[in-house]
Amino acid sequence: MTAQPIGEVEVVARIPAASNETFLASIDGLPVVYKPREGEKPLWDFPDCDLADREVAAYVVSEHLGWNIVPPTWLGEGPFGPGMLQLWQQVDTTHDAVDVVPLDAVPDSGWCTVFEGPGEDDRPVALVHEDSAALRKMAVFDAMVNNADRKGGHVLAMPDGHRFGVDHGLTFHTEHKLRTVLWGWIGEPLSTEEADGVGRVLASLDGELGRRLDPLLTPDELEAFGERCRRLLATRRFPEPSGWMPATPWPLF
């Protein structure tokens, strides 16, 4: 794991758009996101206020994959008690990796259309996202960790072209919960690199990766995680929506 900054967590400001208590904080001048456990709101399907553990578990899987999807994330102590800490990322505000655009403005290439429908003014719009290797890997990662909340705003476009994914508290449920805006490759074959990444994770669940995830997830959640990896390797294709839950989160951003 990337070395954690050492020092006292000082809250700078509350992030009001977050559904749980979330703060911009600083550790010796280094900006971080701080989500105290006490600020987590119990959900009907995630009732145990353990979202911080799930965020860290998502980072552990990302790190093991070597795909750098999740920014460095760890458990720590802040002024409002223990919680999740994550290195703050300064995004490229001139670009969105996921967007809603007028239907007649969908780019001809380099983008995937997820769905079309009426916008706020009843004019037709489309939900689109980049057709890129970085977002393909993020979609594979989401299928592995069973991400129930991949909103467009949870995909961070960085100035150097990298793409980070954030807000992984709603992951690793034992039941199928995949809700995402990254449905652009339904049924397409996984690349060799993507399949090899899934295989590395599965092979290490009985070893180092499993040991690191063990204090963060329940045995049933670890078993379900392994089963999702096995299904991905068996089909070697991007999954399609299934089950009774909506396939995309709401709001989309």
C-alpha atoms as a PDB file:
ATOM      1  CA  MET A   1       0.000   0.000   0.000  1.00  0.00           C
ATOM      2  CA  THR A   2       1.127   3.549  -0.702  1.00  0.00           C
ATOM      3  CA  ALA A   3       2.659   5.108   2.418  1.00  0.00           C
ATOM      4  CA  GLN A   4       0.010   6.839   4.495  1.00  0.00           C
ATOM      5  CA  PRO A   5       0.595  10.475   5.436  1.00  0.00           C
ATOM      6  CA  ILE A   6       1.417  10.788   9.116  1.00  0.00           C
ATOM      7  CA  GLY A   7      -0.043  13.572  11.211  1.00  0.00           C
ATOM      8  CA  GLU A   8      -3.223  14.979  12.675  1.00  0.00           C
ATOM      9  CA  VAL A   9      -6.352  15.117  10.559  1.00  0.00           C
ATOM     10  CA  GLU A  10      -7.646  18.687  10.402  1.00  0.00           C
ATOM     11  CA  VAL A  11     -11.055  19.329   8.891  1.00  0.00           C
ATOM     12  CA  VAL A  12     -11.112  22.077   6.260  1.00  0.00           C
ATOM     13  CA  ALA A  13     -14.714  21.999   5.026  1.00  0.00           C
ATOM     14  CA  ARG A  14     -17.768  19.796   4.768  1.00  0.00           C
ATOM     15  CA  ILE A  15     -18.571  18.380   1.341  1.00  0.00           C
ATOM     16  CA  PRO A  16     -22.324  19.075   1.207  1.00  0.00           C
ATOM     17  CA  ALA A  17     -23.175  17.047  -1.888  1.00  0.00           C
ATOM     18  CA  ALA A  18     -22.275  13.737  -0.203  1.00  0.00           C
ATOM     19  CA  SER A  19     -25.096  11.576   1.184  1.00  0.00           C
ATOM     20  CA  ASN A  20     -23.055  10.710   4.296  1.00  0.00           C
ATOM     21  CA  GLU A  21     -20.963  13.069   6.413  1.00  0.00           C
ATOM     22  CA  THR A  22     -17.918  13.761   4.239  1.00  0.00           C
ATOM     23  CA  PHE A  23     -15.180  16.328   4.767  1.00  0.00           C
ATOM     24  CA  LEU A  24     -12.254  17.829   2.954  1.00  0.00           C
ATOM     25  CA  ALA A  25      -9.444  17.577   5.480  1.00  0.00           C
ATOM     26  CA  SER A  26      -5.704  18.030   5.654  1.00  0.00           C
ATOM     27  CA  ILE A  27      -2.840  15.988   7.070  1.00  0.00           C
ATOM     28  CA  ASP A  28       0.251  18.186   7.359  1.00  0.00           C
ATOM     29  CA  GLY A  29      -0.974  20.208   4.382  1.00  0.00           C
ATOM     30  CA  LEU A  30      -1.848  17.170   2.253  1.00  0.00           C
ATOM     31  CA  PRO A  31      -5.550  17.259   1.238  1.00  0.00           C
ATOM     32  CA  VAL A  32      -7.599  14.162   2.034  1.00  0.00           C
ATOM     33  CA  VAL A  33     -11.234  13.076   2.069  1.00  0.00           C
ATOM     34  CA  TYR A  34     -12.437  12.131   5.561  1.00  0.00           C
ATOM     35  CA  LYS A  35     -15.610  10.085   6.119  1.00  0.00           C
ATOM     36  CA  PRO A  36     -16.181   9.367   9.826  1.00  0.00           C
ATOM     37  CA  ARG A  37     -18.052   6.186  10.720  1.00  0.00           C
ATOM     38  CA  GLU A  38     -20.402   8.212  12.923  1.00  0.00           C
ATOM     39  CA  GLY A  39     -21.584  10.083   9.828  1.00  0.00           C
ATOM     40  CA  GLU A  40     -22.692   6.960   7.953  1.00  0.00           C
ATOM     41  CA  LYS A  41     -26.450   6.643   7.495  1.00  0.00           C
ATOM     42  CA  PRO A  42     -27.725   3.051   7.785  1.00  0.00           C
ATOM     43  CA  LEU A  43     -29.287   1.758   4.552  1.00  0.00           C
ATOM     44  CA  TRP A  44     -31.829  -1.032   4.207  1.00  0.00           C
ATOM     45  CA  ASP A  45     -29.326  -3.175   2.298  1.00  0.00           C
ATOM     46  CA  PHE A  46     -26.146  -1.850   3.991  1.00  0.00           C
ATOM     47  CA  PRO A  47     -27.376  -1.418   7.583  1.00  0.00           C
ATOM     48  CA  ASP A  48     -24.215  -2.007   9.613  1.00  0.00           C
ATOM     49  CA  CYS A  49     -22.405   1.327   9.190  1.00  0.00           C
ATOM     50  CA  ASP A  50     -19.344  -0.422   7.791  1.00  0.00           C
ATOM     51  CA  LEU A  51     -19.025   1.613   4.594  1.00  0.00           C
ATOM     52  CA  ALA A  52     -15.520   2.763   5.561  1.00  0.00           C
ATOM     53  CA  ASP A  53     -14.330  -0.859   5.600  1.00  0.00           C
ATOM     54  CA  ARG A  54     -15.822  -1.421   2.149  1.00  0.00           C
ATOM     55  CA  GLU A  55     -14.086   1.671   0.786  1.00  0.00           C
ATOM     56  CA  VAL A  56     -10.745   0.366   2.037  1.00  0.00           C
ATOM     57  CA  ALA A  57     -11.484  -3.122   0.696  1.00  0.00           C
ATOM     58  CA  ALA A  58     -12.131  -1.619  -2.750  1.00  0.00           C
ATOM     59  CA  TYR A  59      -8.738   0.092  -2.610  1.00  0.00           C
ATOM     60  CA  VAL A  60      -7.043  -3.151  -1.576  1.00  0.00           C
ATOM     61  CA  VAL A  61      -8.513  -4.917  -4.631  1.00  0.00           C
ATOM     62  CA  SER A  62      -7.576  -2.010  -6.914  1.00  0.00           C
ATOM     63  CA  GLU A  63      -4.018  -2.088  -5.594  1.00  0.00           C
ATOM     64  CA  HIS A  64      -3.769  -5.838  -6.086  1.00  0.00           C
ATOM     65  CA  LEU A  65      -5.004  -5.504  -9.667  1.00  0.00           C
ATOM     66  CA  GLY A  66      -2.331  -2.884 -10.332  1.00  0.00           C
ATOM     67  CA  TRP A  67      -4.827  -0.795 -12.310  1.00  0.00           C
ATOM     68  CA  ASN A  68      -4.713   2.288 -10.025  1.00  0.00           C
ATOM     69  CA  ILE A  69      -8.480   2.710 -10.067  1.00  0.00           C
ATOM     70  CA  VAL A  70      -9.012   3.779  -6.449  1.00  0.00           C
ATOM     71  CA  PRO A  71      -6.887   6.535  -4.867  1.00  0.00           C
ATOM     72  CA  PRO A  72      -4.912   5.493  -1.742  1.00  0.00           C
ATOM     73  CA  THR A  73      -7.483   4.804   0.982  1.00  0.00           C
ATOM     74  CA  TRP A  74      -7.074   3.725   4.608  1.00  0.00           C
ATOM     75  CA  LEU A  75      -8.746   3.663   8.013  1.00  0.00           C
ATOM     76  CA  GLY A  76      -7.720   6.339  10.462  1.00  0.00           C
ATOM     77  CA  GLU A  77      -8.744   8.626  13.284  1.00  0.00           C
ATOM     78  CA  GLY A  78     -10.086  12.148  12.757  1.00  0.00           C
ATOM     79  CA  PRO A  79     -11.709  14.855  14.873  1.00  0.00           C
ATOM     80  CA  PHE A  80     -15.127  13.160  14.524  1.00  0.00           C
ATOM     81  CA  GLY A  81     -13.826   9.686  15.317  1.00  0.00           C
ATOM     82  CA  PRO A  82     -12.515   6.785  13.248  1.00  0.00           C
ATOM     83  CA  GLY A  83     -13.348   6.545   9.588  1.00  0.00           C
ATOM     84  CA  MET A  84     -12.097   6.386   6.030  1.00  0.00           C
ATOM     85  CA  LEU A  85      -9.330   8.618   4.719  1.00  0.00           C
ATOM     86  CA  GLN A  86      -8.479   8.958   1.024  1.00  0.00           C
ATOM     87  CA  LEU A  87      -6.008  11.134  -0.828  1.00  0.00           C
ATOM     88  CA  TRP A  88      -7.835  14.047  -2.452  1.00  0.00           C
ATOM     89  CA  GLN A  89      -7.657  14.198  -6.258  1.00  0.00           C
ATOM     90  CA  GLN A  90      -7.689  17.499  -8.153  1.00  0.00           C
ATOM     91  CA  VAL A  91      -9.757  16.721 -11.243  1.00  0.00           C
ATOM     92  CA  ASP A  92      -9.701  18.228 -14.729  1.00  0.00           C
ATOM     93  CA  THR A  93     -12.771  20.470 -14.542  1.00  0.00           C
ATOM     94  CA  THR A  94     -12.775  20.986 -18.322  1.00  0.00           C
ATOM     95  CA  HIS A  95     -13.545  17.361 -19.110  1.00  0.00           C
ATOM     96  CA  ASP A  96     -16.075  14.704 -18.073  1.00  0.00           C
ATOM     97  CA  ALA A  97     -15.499  10.994 -18.663  1.00  0.00           C
ATOM     98  CA  VAL A  98     -19.262  10.405 -18.284  1.00  0.00           C
ATOM     99  CA  ASP A  99     -21.856  12.857 -19.537  1.00  0.00           C
ATOM    100  CA  VAL A 100     -25.457  13.441 -20.592  1.00  0.00           C
ATOM    101  CA  VAL A 101     -25.597  15.163 -23.981  1.00  0.00           C
ATOM    102  CA  PRO A 102     -28.285  16.059 -26.541  1.00  0.00           C
ATOM    103  CA  LEU A 103     -28.967  13.056 -28.741  1.00  0.00           C
ATOM    104  CA  ASP A 104     -27.807  14.905 -31.843  1.00  0.00           C
ATOM    105  CA  ALA A 105     -24.512  15.770 -30.109  1.00  0.00           C
ATOM    106  CA  VAL A 106     -23.341  12.220 -29.318  1.00  0.00           C
ATOM    107  CA  PRO A 107     -19.746  11.929 -30.602  1.00  0.00           C
ATOM    108  CA  ASP A 108     -19.272   9.712 -33.651  1.00  0.00           C
ATOM    109  CA  SER A 109     -16.343   7.806 -32.131  1.00  0.00           C
ATOM    110  CA  GLY A 110     -14.506   7.285 -28.862  1.00  0.00           C
ATOM    111  CA  TRP A 111     -17.677   7.185 -26.784  1.00  0.00           C
ATOM    112  CA  CYS A 112     -20.275   4.574 -25.776  1.00  0.00           C
ATOM    113  CA  THR A 113     -23.980   5.306 -25.499  1.00  0.00           C
ATOM    114  CA  VAL A 114     -25.577   3.682 -22.450  1.00  0.00           C
ATOM    115  CA  PHE A 115     -29.180   4.732 -23.076  1.00  0.00           C
ATOM    116  CA  GLU A 116     -31.328   7.436 -24.643  1.00  0.00           C
ATOM    117  CA  GLY A 117     -34.354   9.213 -23.213  1.00  0.00           C
ATOM    118  CA  PRO A 118     -36.114  12.540 -22.671  1.00  0.00           C
ATOM    119  CA  GLY A 119     -34.227  15.280 -20.841  1.00  0.00           C
ATOM    120  CA  GLU A 120     -35.595  17.864 -18.425  1.00  0.00           C
ATOM    121  CA  ASP A 121     -37.122  19.815 -21.316  1.00  0.00           C
ATOM    122  CA  ASP A 122     -38.381  16.578 -22.960  1.00  0.00           C
ATOM    123  CA  ARG A 123     -35.758  16.866 -25.677  1.00  0.00           C
ATOM    124  CA  PRO A 124     -33.943  13.565 -26.380  1.00  0.00           C
ATOM    125  CA  VAL A 125     -30.618  13.098 -24.593  1.00  0.00           C
ATOM    126  CA  ALA A 126     -28.132  10.259 -24.190  1.00  0.00           C
ATOM    127  CA  LEU A 127     -26.038   9.014 -21.287  1.00  0.00           C
ATOM    128  CA  VAL A 128     -22.541   8.467 -22.708  1.00  0.00           C
ATOM    129  CA  HIS A 129     -19.099   7.586 -21.418  1.00  0.00           C
ATOM    130  CA  GLU A 130     -15.624   7.342 -22.862  1.00  0.00           C
ATOM    131  CA  ASP A 131     -14.739   4.181 -24.767  1.00  0.00           C
ATOM    132  CA  SER A 132     -11.328   3.891 -23.128  1.00  0.00           C
ATOM    133  CA  ALA A 133      -9.095   1.224 -21.620  1.00  0.00           C
ATOM    134  CA  ALA A 134      -9.221   3.018 -18.266  1.00  0.00           C
ATOM    135  CA  LEU A 135     -13.015   2.940 -18.064  1.00  0.00           C
ATOM    136  CA  ARG A 136     -13.171  -0.645 -19.334  1.00  0.00           C
ATOM    137  CA  LYS A 137     -10.968  -1.670 -16.400  1.00  0.00           C
ATOM    138  CA  MET A 138     -13.164   0.339 -14.035  1.00  0.00           C
ATOM    139  CA  ALA A 139     -16.235  -1.493 -15.345  1.00  0.00           C
ATOM    140  CA  VAL A 140     -14.524  -4.867 -14.789  1.00  0.00           C
ATOM    141  CA  PHE A 141     -13.512  -3.761 -11.303  1.00  0.00           C
ATOM    142  CA  ASP A 142     -17.097  -2.702 -10.535  1.00  0.00           C
ATOM    143  CA  ALA A 143     -18.414  -6.091 -11.637  1.00  0.00           C
ATOM    144  CA  MET A 144     -15.883  -7.804  -9.371  1.00  0.00           C
ATOM    145  CA  VAL A 145     -16.631  -5.746  -6.259  1.00  0.00           C
ATOM    146  CA  ASN A 146     -20.386  -5.552  -7.003  1.00  0.00           C
ATOM    147  CA  ASN A 147     -20.478  -1.761  -7.004  1.00  0.00           C
ATOM    148  CA  ALA A 148     -24.021  -0.574  -6.329  1.00  0.00           C
ATOM    149  CA  ASP A 149     -23.305   3.116  -6.876  1.00  0.00           C
ATOM    150  CA  ARG A 150     -21.068   3.948  -9.867  1.00  0.00           C
ATOM    151  CA  LYS A 151     -22.468   7.392 -10.592  1.00  0.00           C
ATOM    152  CA  GLY A 152     -21.012   9.622 -13.293  1.00  0.00           C
ATOM    153  CA  GLY A 153     -19.612  11.918 -10.632  1.00  0.00           C
ATOM    154  CA  HIS A 154     -17.730   8.999  -9.100  1.00  0.00           C
ATOM    155  CA  VAL A 155     -15.496   8.831 -12.178  1.00  0.00           C
ATOM    156  CA  LEU A 156     -12.755  11.432 -11.836  1.00  0.00           C
ATOM    157  CA  ALA A 157     -11.062  12.728 -14.999  1.00  0.00           C
ATOM    158  CA  MET A 158      -7.507  13.696 -14.080  1.00  0.00           C
ATOM    159  CA  PRO A 159      -5.431  16.338 -15.924  1.00  0.00           C
ATOM    160  CA  ASP A 160      -2.922  13.692 -17.097  1.00  0.00           C
ATOM    161  CA  GLY A 161      -5.663  11.586 -18.687  1.00  0.00           C
ATOM    162  CA  HIS A 162      -5.906   9.068 -15.858  1.00  0.00           C
ATOM    163  CA  ARG A 163      -9.328   8.095 -14.520  1.00  0.00           C
ATOM    164  CA  PHE A 164      -9.972   7.428 -10.826  1.00  0.00           C
ATOM    165  CA  GLY A 165     -13.064   5.863  -9.295  1.00  0.00           C
ATOM    166  CA  VAL A 166     -14.243   7.003  -5.855  1.00  0.00           C
ATOM    167  CA  ASP A 167     -17.094   6.401  -3.378  1.00  0.00           C
ATOM    168  CA  HIS A 168     -16.985   2.638  -2.931  1.00  0.00           C
ATOM    169  CA  GLY A 169     -18.957   2.280   0.284  1.00  0.00           C
ATOM    170  CA  LEU A 170     -21.751   0.344  -1.461  1.00  0.00           C
ATOM    171  CA  THR A 171     -19.680  -2.624  -2.602  1.00  0.00           C
ATOM    172  CA  PHE A 172     -19.113  -6.313  -1.825  1.00  0.00           C
ATOM    173  CA  HIS A 173     -22.744  -7.170  -1.031  1.00  0.00           C
ATOM    174  CA  THR A 174     -23.491 -10.895  -1.173  1.00  0.00           C
ATOM    175  CA  GLU A 175     -26.538 -10.233  -3.394  1.00  0.00           C
ATOM    176  CA  HIS A 176     -26.282  -8.898  -6.935  1.00  0.00           C
ATOM    177  CA  LYS A 177     -26.250  -5.090  -6.661  1.00  0.00           C
ATOM    178  CA  LEU A 178     -24.347  -3.873  -9.734  1.00  0.00           C
ATOM    179  CA  ARG A 179     -25.645  -0.384 -10.546  1.00  0.00           C
ATOM    180  CA  THR A 180     -23.433   1.645 -12.822  1.00  0.00           C
ATOM    181  CA  VAL A 181     -23.324   4.197 -15.621  1.00  0.00           C
ATOM    182  CA  LEU A 182     -20.564   2.156 -17.337  1.00  0.00           C
ATOM    183  CA  TRP A 183     -22.683  -0.259 -19.374  1.00  0.00           C
ATOM    184  CA  GLY A 184     -21.093   0.545 -22.735  1.00  0.00           C
ATOM    185  CA  TRP A 185     -19.483  -2.868 -23.326  1.00  0.00           C
ATOM    186  CA  ILE A 186     -22.301  -5.296 -22.462  1.00  0.00           C
ATOM    187  CA  GLY A 187     -21.450  -8.745 -23.814  1.00  0.00           C
ATOM    188  CA  GLU A 188     -18.085  -7.730 -25.275  1.00  0.00           C
ATOM    189  CA  PRO A 189     -15.129 -10.063 -24.636  1.00  0.00           C
ATOM    190  CA  LEU A 190     -12.708  -9.164 -21.885  1.00  0.00           C
ATOM    191  CA  SER A 191      -9.245  -8.331 -23.127  1.00  0.00           C
ATOM    192  CA  THR A 192      -6.350 -10.574 -22.120  1.00  0.00           C
ATOM    193  CA  GLU A 193      -5.165  -7.919 -19.668  1.00  0.00           C
ATOM    194  CA  GLU A 194      -8.621  -7.599 -18.113  1.00  0.00           C
ATOM    195  CA  ALA A 195      -9.082 -11.349 -17.735  1.00  0.00           C
ATOM    196  CA  ASP A 196      -5.559 -11.749 -16.345  1.00  0.00           C
ATOM    197  CA  GLY A 197      -6.350  -9.111 -13.707  1.00  0.00           C
ATOM    198  CA  VAL A 198      -9.452 -11.003 -12.586  1.00  0.00           C
ATOM    199  CA  GLY A 199      -7.391 -14.191 -12.491  1.00  0.00           C
ATOM    200  CA  ARG A 200      -4.693 -12.586 -10.309  1.00  0.00           C
ATOM    201  CA  VAL A 201      -7.297 -11.479  -7.794  1.00  0.00           C
ATOM    202  CA  LEU A 202      -8.988 -14.870  -7.681  1.00  0.00           C
ATOM    203  CA  ALA A 203      -5.677 -16.694  -7.289  1.00  0.00           C
ATOM    204  CA  SER A 204      -4.689 -14.505  -4.339  1.00  0.00           C
ATOM    205  CA  LEU A 205      -7.950 -14.750  -2.401  1.00  0.00           C
ATOM    206  CA  ASP A 206      -6.517 -17.753  -0.528  1.00  0.00           C
ATOM    207  CA  GLY A 207      -3.295 -15.831   0.066  1.00  0.00           C
ATOM    208  CA  GLU A 208      -2.175 -12.260   0.630  1.00  0.00           C
ATOM    209  CA  LEU A 209      -5.274 -10.572  -0.802  1.00  0.00           C
ATOM    210  CA  GLY A 210      -7.584 -12.703   1.301  1.00  0.00           C
ATOM    211  CA  ARG A 211      -5.600 -11.894   4.436  1.00  0.00           C
ATOM    212  CA  ARG A 212      -5.868  -8.156   3.768  1.00  0.00           C
ATOM    213  CA  LEU A 213      -9.595  -8.338   3.032  1.00  0.00           C
ATOM    214  CA  ASP A 214     -10.429 -10.621   5.955  1.00  0.00           C
ATOM    215  CA  PRO A 215     -10.729  -7.866   8.619  1.00  0.00           C
ATOM    216  CA  LEU A 216     -12.766  -5.678   6.246  1.00  0.00           C
ATOM    217  CA  LEU A 217     -15.396  -8.090   4.887  1.00  0.00           C
ATOM    218  CA  THR A 218     -17.443 -11.011   6.205  1.00  0.00           C
ATOM    219  CA  PRO A 219     -16.711 -14.606   5.153  1.00  0.00           C
ATOM    220  CA  ASP A 220     -19.910 -14.646   3.087  1.00  0.00           C
ATOM    221  CA  GLU A 221     -18.895 -11.435   1.319  1.00  0.00           C
ATOM    222  CA  LEU A 222     -15.443 -12.852   0.542  1.00  0.00           C
ATOM    223  CA  GLU A 223     -17.030 -16.025  -0.829  1.00  0.00           C
ATOM    224  CA  ALA A 224     -19.433 -14.010  -3.019  1.00  0.00           C
ATOM    225  CA  PHE A 225     -16.514 -11.882  -4.238  1.00  0.00           C
ATOM    226  CA  GLY A 226     -14.651 -14.988  -5.334  1.00  0.00           C
ATOM    227  CA  GLU A 227     -17.735 -16.358  -7.076  1.00  0.00           C
ATOM    228  CA  ARG A 228     -18.159 -13.144  -9.083  1.00  0.00           C
ATOM    229  CA  CYS A 229     -14.531 -13.401 -10.204  1.00  0.00           C
ATOM    230  CA  ARG A 230     -15.057 -17.013 -11.233  1.00  0.00           C
ATOM    231  CA  ARG A 231     -18.128 -16.071 -13.295  1.00  0.00           C
ATOM    232  CA  LEU A 232     -16.226 -13.329 -15.070  1.00  0.00           C
ATOM    233  CA  LEU A 233     -13.437 -15.760 -15.930  1.00  0.00           C
ATOM    234  CA  ALA A 234     -15.934 -18.404 -17.080  1.00  0.00           C
ATOM    235  CA  THR A 235     -17.714 -16.065 -19.498  1.00  0.00           C
ATOM    236  CA  ARG A 236     -14.768 -13.744 -20.273  1.00  0.00           C
ATOM    237  CA  ARG A 237     -17.341 -11.127 -21.211  1.00  0.00           C
ATOM    238  CA  PHE A 238     -18.670  -7.929 -19.717  1.00  0.00           C
ATOM    239  CA  PRO A 239     -21.832  -8.718 -17.767  1.00  0.00           C
ATOM    240  CA  GLU A 240     -25.288  -7.463 -18.622  1.00  0.00           C
ATOM    241  CA  PRO A 241     -27.892  -6.029 -16.236  1.00  0.00           C
ATOM    242  CA  SER A 242     -29.824  -8.647 -14.285  1.00  0.00           C
ATOM    243  CA  GLY A 243     -32.143  -8.948 -11.324  1.00  0.00           C
ATOM    244  CA  TRP A 244     -34.964  -6.698 -10.181  1.00  0.00           C
ATOM    245  CA  MET A 245     -32.846  -3.712  -9.133  1.00  0.00           C
ATOM    246  CA  PRO A 246     -32.361  -0.759 -11.519  1.00  0.00           C
ATOM    247  CA  ALA A 247     -29.228  -1.160 -13.619  1.00  0.00           C
ATOM    248  CA  THR A 248     -28.119   2.438 -13.086  1.00  0.00           C
ATOM    249  CA  PRO A 249     -27.910   4.455  -9.856  1.00  0.00           C
ATOM    250  CA  TRP A 250     -30.134   7.450  -9.250  1.00  0.00           C
ATOM    251  CA  PRO A 251     -29.336  10.226  -9.562  1.00  0.00           C
ATOM    252  CA  LEU A 252     -26.921   9.456 -12.374  1.00  0.00           C
ATOM    253  CA  PHE A 253     -24.493  12.112 -11.111  1.00  0.00           C
END
